[in-house]
Amino acid sequence: MDSARVAAQSIAGDLGVSAPGAALPANVCYPMVAPDRALHIETHWALEQDATGAVHVRVSGRHDDRARASYARLRREWETRTLSTLFGP
């Protein structure tokens, strides 16, 4: 969803329409490696404009590949929020 807002803002700018700044997309993922442990992967996108005016995407991130129970708990919390948002409580 965030990436769609950034794209819409870029298109609006190309059409000469000013739009409020969209939040840059970011993603945090907790891939499960066992029923009680997960990894941590975090990604951030940034839009950069070069001297010609072309817009490019720069991606940076970090990860922790040590499987931890705390990451599994964070993943379950995220899944609960997401499912509640999509389908209700």
N, C-alpha and C. Protein backbone atom coordinates (compact mmCIF):
# COMPACT_ATOMS: atom_id res chain seq x y z
N MET A 1 0.82 -1.19 0.00
CA MET A 1 0.00 0.00 0.00
C MET A 1 0.87 1.25 0.00
N ASP A 2 1.92 1.27 0.82
CA ASP A 2 2.79 2.45 0.86
C ASP A 2 3.41 2.72 -0.49
N SER A 3 3.85 1.66 -1.19
CA SER A 3 4.49 1.87 -2.48
C SER A 3 3.50 2.46 -3.49
N ALA A 4 2.23 2.10 -3.38
CA ALA A 4 1.22 2.67 -4.29
C ALA A 4 1.06 4.17 -4.03
N ARG A 5 1.10 4.57 -2.77
CA ARG A 5 0.99 5.99 -2.44
C ARG A 5 2.18 6.77 -2.98
N VAL A 6 3.37 6.21 -2.85
CA VAL A 6 4.57 6.88 -3.36
C VAL A 6 4.48 7.00 -4.88
N ALA A 7 4.04 5.94 -5.54
CA ALA A 7 3.89 5.98 -7.01
C ALA A 7 2.86 7.02 -7.41
N ALA A 8 1.74 7.08 -6.70
CA ALA A 8 0.70 8.05 -7.01
C ALA A 8 1.22 9.48 -6.84
N GLN A 9 2.00 9.71 -5.80
CA GLN A 9 2.57 11.04 -5.58
C GLN A 9 3.51 11.41 -6.72
N SER A 10 4.33 10.46 -7.16
CA SER A 10 5.25 10.71 -8.26
C SER A 10 4.49 11.03 -9.55
N ILE A 11 3.43 10.28 -9.84
CA ILE A 11 2.64 10.51 -11.05
C ILE A 11 1.95 11.87 -10.96
N ALA A 12 1.39 12.19 -9.79
CA ALA A 12 0.73 13.50 -9.62
C ALA A 12 1.73 14.62 -9.86
N GLY A 13 2.95 14.47 -9.36
CA GLY A 13 3.98 15.48 -9.58
C GLY A 13 4.30 15.64 -11.05
N ASP A 14 4.37 14.53 -11.78
CA ASP A 14 4.63 14.59 -13.22
C ASP A 14 3.51 15.31 -13.96
N LEU A 15 2.30 15.24 -13.42
CA LEU A 15 1.15 15.91 -14.05
C LEU A 15 1.01 17.35 -13.57
N GLY A 16 1.92 17.79 -12.71
CA GLY A 16 1.89 19.16 -12.23
C GLY A 16 0.95 19.40 -11.07
N VAL A 17 0.52 18.34 -10.43
CA VAL A 17 -0.39 18.46 -9.28
C VAL A 17 0.42 18.27 -8.01
N SER A 18 0.26 19.21 -7.08
CA SER A 18 0.97 19.03 -5.82
C SER A 18 0.12 18.14 -4.93
N ALA A 19 0.78 17.26 -4.24
CA ALA A 19 0.09 16.33 -3.35
C ALA A 19 0.90 16.23 -2.07
N PRO A 20 0.22 16.00 -0.96
CA PRO A 20 0.98 15.84 0.29
C PRO A 20 1.92 14.66 0.19
N GLY A 21 3.05 14.78 0.85
CA GLY A 21 4.06 13.72 0.79
C GLY A 21 3.57 12.40 1.36
N ALA A 22 3.81 11.36 0.63
CA ALA A 22 3.47 10.02 1.11
C ALA A 22 4.63 9.48 1.93
N ALA A 23 4.31 8.66 2.89
CA ALA A 23 5.36 8.03 3.68
C ALA A 23 6.13 7.07 2.78
N LEU A 24 7.42 7.05 2.94
CA LEU A 24 8.22 6.11 2.17
C LEU A 24 7.94 4.70 2.66
N PRO A 25 7.87 3.75 1.74
CA PRO A 25 7.56 2.38 2.15
C PRO A 25 8.69 1.76 2.95
N ALA A 26 8.31 0.94 3.87
CA ALA A 26 9.25 0.16 4.67
C ALA A 26 8.59 -1.18 4.96
N ASN A 27 9.37 -2.17 5.21
CA ASN A 27 8.84 -3.49 5.45
C ASN A 27 9.68 -4.18 6.52
N VAL A 28 9.01 -4.81 7.44
CA VAL A 28 9.67 -5.66 8.42
C VAL A 28 9.04 -7.03 8.29
N CYS A 29 9.87 -8.04 8.18
CA CYS A 29 9.39 -9.40 7.96
C CYS A 29 10.04 -10.31 9.00
N TYR A 30 9.27 -11.27 9.49
CA TYR A 30 9.78 -12.24 10.45
C TYR A 30 9.54 -13.64 9.89
N PRO A 31 10.42 -14.13 9.00
CA PRO A 31 10.24 -15.47 8.44
C PRO A 31 10.39 -16.54 9.53
N MET A 32 9.42 -17.42 9.61
CA MET A 32 9.47 -18.50 10.60
C MET A 32 10.47 -19.55 10.15
N VAL A 33 11.30 -20.01 11.07
CA VAL A 33 12.24 -21.10 10.78
C VAL A 33 11.93 -22.32 11.63
N ALA A 34 11.06 -22.14 12.61
CA ALA A 34 10.59 -23.21 13.48
C ALA A 34 9.30 -22.71 14.12
N PRO A 35 8.51 -23.57 14.71
CA PRO A 35 7.26 -23.09 15.32
C PRO A 35 7.46 -22.02 16.39
N ASP A 36 8.64 -21.97 16.99
CA ASP A 36 8.87 -21.03 18.09
C ASP A 36 10.01 -20.04 17.82
N ARG A 37 10.51 -19.98 16.58
CA ARG A 37 11.62 -19.09 16.28
C ARG A 37 11.45 -18.47 14.89
N ALA A 38 11.93 -17.23 14.74
CA ALA A 38 11.86 -16.54 13.45
C ALA A 38 13.09 -15.66 13.28
N LEU A 39 13.31 -15.23 12.05
CA LEU A 39 14.39 -14.30 11.71
C LEU A 39 13.81 -12.89 11.64
N HIS A 40 14.66 -11.91 11.44
CA HIS A 40 14.22 -10.51 11.30
C HIS A 40 14.84 -9.92 10.04
N ILE A 41 13.99 -9.39 9.15
CA ILE A 41 14.46 -8.72 7.93
C ILE A 41 13.73 -7.39 7.85
N GLU A 42 14.47 -6.31 7.67
CA GLU A 42 13.89 -4.97 7.60
C GLU A 42 14.38 -4.29 6.34
N THR A 43 13.46 -3.70 5.58
CA THR A 43 13.81 -3.05 4.31
C THR A 43 13.18 -1.67 4.26
N HIS A 44 13.94 -0.69 3.76
CA HIS A 44 13.46 0.69 3.59
C HIS A 44 13.73 1.14 2.16
N TRP A 45 12.76 1.79 1.55
CA TRP A 45 12.90 2.32 0.20
C TRP A 45 13.00 3.84 0.28
N ALA A 46 13.79 4.42 -0.61
CA ALA A 46 13.89 5.88 -0.69
C ALA A 46 13.89 6.27 -2.17
N LEU A 47 13.18 7.33 -2.48
CA LEU A 47 13.17 7.86 -3.85
C LEU A 47 14.26 8.91 -3.96
N GLU A 48 15.06 8.82 -4.99
CA GLU A 48 16.12 9.79 -5.23
C GLU A 48 16.00 10.30 -6.66
N GLN A 49 16.26 11.57 -6.82
CA GLN A 49 16.18 12.18 -8.15
C GLN A 49 17.60 12.54 -8.59
N ASP A 50 17.98 12.12 -9.81
CA ASP A 50 19.32 12.44 -10.29
C ASP A 50 19.32 13.80 -10.99
N ALA A 51 20.47 14.20 -11.51
CA ALA A 51 20.63 15.53 -12.12
C ALA A 51 19.72 15.74 -13.34
N THR A 52 19.33 14.64 -13.99
CA THR A 52 18.45 14.76 -15.17
C THR A 52 16.98 14.84 -14.77
N GLY A 53 16.69 14.64 -13.49
CA GLY A 53 15.31 14.66 -13.02
C GLY A 53 14.67 13.29 -12.92
N ALA A 54 15.41 12.27 -13.36
CA ALA A 54 14.87 10.91 -13.29
C ALA A 54 14.83 10.45 -11.83
N VAL A 55 13.77 9.76 -11.49
CA VAL A 55 13.60 9.26 -10.13
C VAL A 55 14.06 7.81 -10.07
N HIS A 56 14.84 7.51 -9.05
CA HIS A 56 15.35 6.15 -8.84
C HIS A 56 14.98 5.71 -7.43
N VAL A 57 14.92 4.42 -7.23
CA VAL A 57 14.62 3.86 -5.92
C VAL A 57 15.90 3.30 -5.33
N ARG A 58 16.18 3.72 -4.08
CA ARG A 58 17.32 3.17 -3.35
C ARG A 58 16.76 2.32 -2.22
N VAL A 59 17.26 1.11 -2.09
CA VAL A 59 16.78 0.20 -1.06
C VAL A 59 17.91 -0.08 -0.08
N SER A 60 17.59 0.00 1.19
CA SER A 60 18.56 -0.35 2.22
C SER A 60 17.85 -1.21 3.25
N GLY A 61 18.60 -1.87 4.07
CA GLY A 61 17.96 -2.71 5.07
C GLY A 61 18.95 -3.34 6.01
N ARG A 62 18.41 -4.13 6.90
CA ARG A 62 19.24 -4.87 7.84
C ARG A 62 18.54 -6.19 8.15
N HIS A 63 19.29 -7.11 8.69
CA HIS A 63 18.70 -8.40 9.04
C HIS A 63 19.42 -8.99 10.23
N ASP A 64 18.73 -9.87 10.90
CA ASP A 64 19.31 -10.64 11.99
C ASP A 64 18.95 -12.08 11.69
N ASP A 65 19.95 -12.86 11.30
CA ASP A 65 19.67 -14.23 10.90
C ASP A 65 19.84 -15.23 12.06
N ARG A 66 19.78 -14.70 13.28
CA ARG A 66 19.78 -15.57 14.45
C ARG A 66 18.32 -15.80 14.84
N ALA A 67 17.85 -17.02 14.69
CA ALA A 67 16.45 -17.32 14.99
C ALA A 67 16.17 -17.08 16.47
N ARG A 68 15.13 -16.30 16.74
CA ARG A 68 14.80 -15.93 18.12
C ARG A 68 13.31 -16.13 18.38
N ALA A 69 13.01 -16.47 19.62
CA ALA A 69 11.61 -16.60 20.04
C ALA A 69 10.92 -15.25 20.02
N SER A 70 11.65 -14.17 20.34
CA SER A 70 11.03 -12.83 20.36
C SER A 70 10.54 -12.44 18.97
N TYR A 71 11.25 -12.83 17.92
CA TYR A 71 10.80 -12.52 16.57
C TYR A 71 9.55 -13.32 16.22
N ALA A 72 9.45 -14.55 16.73
CA ALA A 72 8.24 -15.35 16.49
C ALA A 72 7.04 -14.68 17.16
N ARG A 73 7.22 -14.13 18.36
CA ARG A 73 6.13 -13.42 19.03
C ARG A 73 5.72 -12.19 18.24
N LEU A 74 6.72 -11.42 17.74
CA LEU A 74 6.41 -10.23 16.94
C LEU A 74 5.66 -10.61 15.67
N ARG A 75 6.02 -11.74 15.06
CA ARG A 75 5.33 -12.18 13.85
C ARG A 75 3.88 -12.52 14.18
N ARG A 76 3.65 -13.24 15.28
CA ARG A 76 2.28 -13.59 15.66
C ARG A 76 1.44 -12.33 15.92
N GLU A 77 2.04 -11.33 16.57
CA GLU A 77 1.34 -10.07 16.81
C GLU A 77 0.97 -9.40 15.49
N TRP A 78 1.91 -9.38 14.54
CA TRP A 78 1.65 -8.79 13.23
C TRP A 78 0.54 -9.55 12.51
N GLU A 79 0.61 -10.90 12.53
CA GLU A 79 -0.42 -11.70 11.86
C GLU A 79 -1.80 -11.42 12.47
N THR A 80 -1.87 -11.31 13.78
CA THR A 80 -3.13 -11.04 14.45
C THR A 80 -3.70 -9.69 14.03
N ARG A 81 -2.85 -8.64 14.01
CA ARG A 81 -3.31 -7.31 13.59
C ARG A 81 -3.78 -7.33 12.14
N THR A 82 -3.00 -7.97 11.27
CA THR A 82 -3.33 -8.01 9.84
C THR A 82 -4.65 -8.73 9.61
N LEU A 83 -4.82 -9.89 10.20
CA LEU A 83 -6.05 -10.65 10.01
C LEU A 83 -7.26 -9.90 10.59
N SER A 84 -7.06 -9.23 11.71
CA SER A 84 -8.13 -8.45 12.31
C SER A 84 -8.51 -7.29 11.41
N THR A 85 -7.52 -6.64 10.80
CA THR A 85 -7.78 -5.53 9.88
C THR A 85 -8.53 -6.00 8.64
N LEU A 86 -8.13 -7.14 8.11
CA LEU A 86 -8.74 -7.65 6.89
C LEU A 86 -10.14 -8.23 7.12
N PHE A 87 -10.31 -8.97 8.22
CA PHE A 87 -11.53 -9.73 8.41
C PHE A 87 -12.33 -9.35 9.65
N GLY A 88 -11.85 -8.41 10.42
CA GLY A 88 -12.54 -8.00 11.64
C GLY A 88 -12.15 -8.87 12.83
N PRO A 89 -12.53 -8.40 14.00
CA PRO A 89 -12.15 -9.16 15.22
C PRO A 89 -12.84 -10.50 15.33
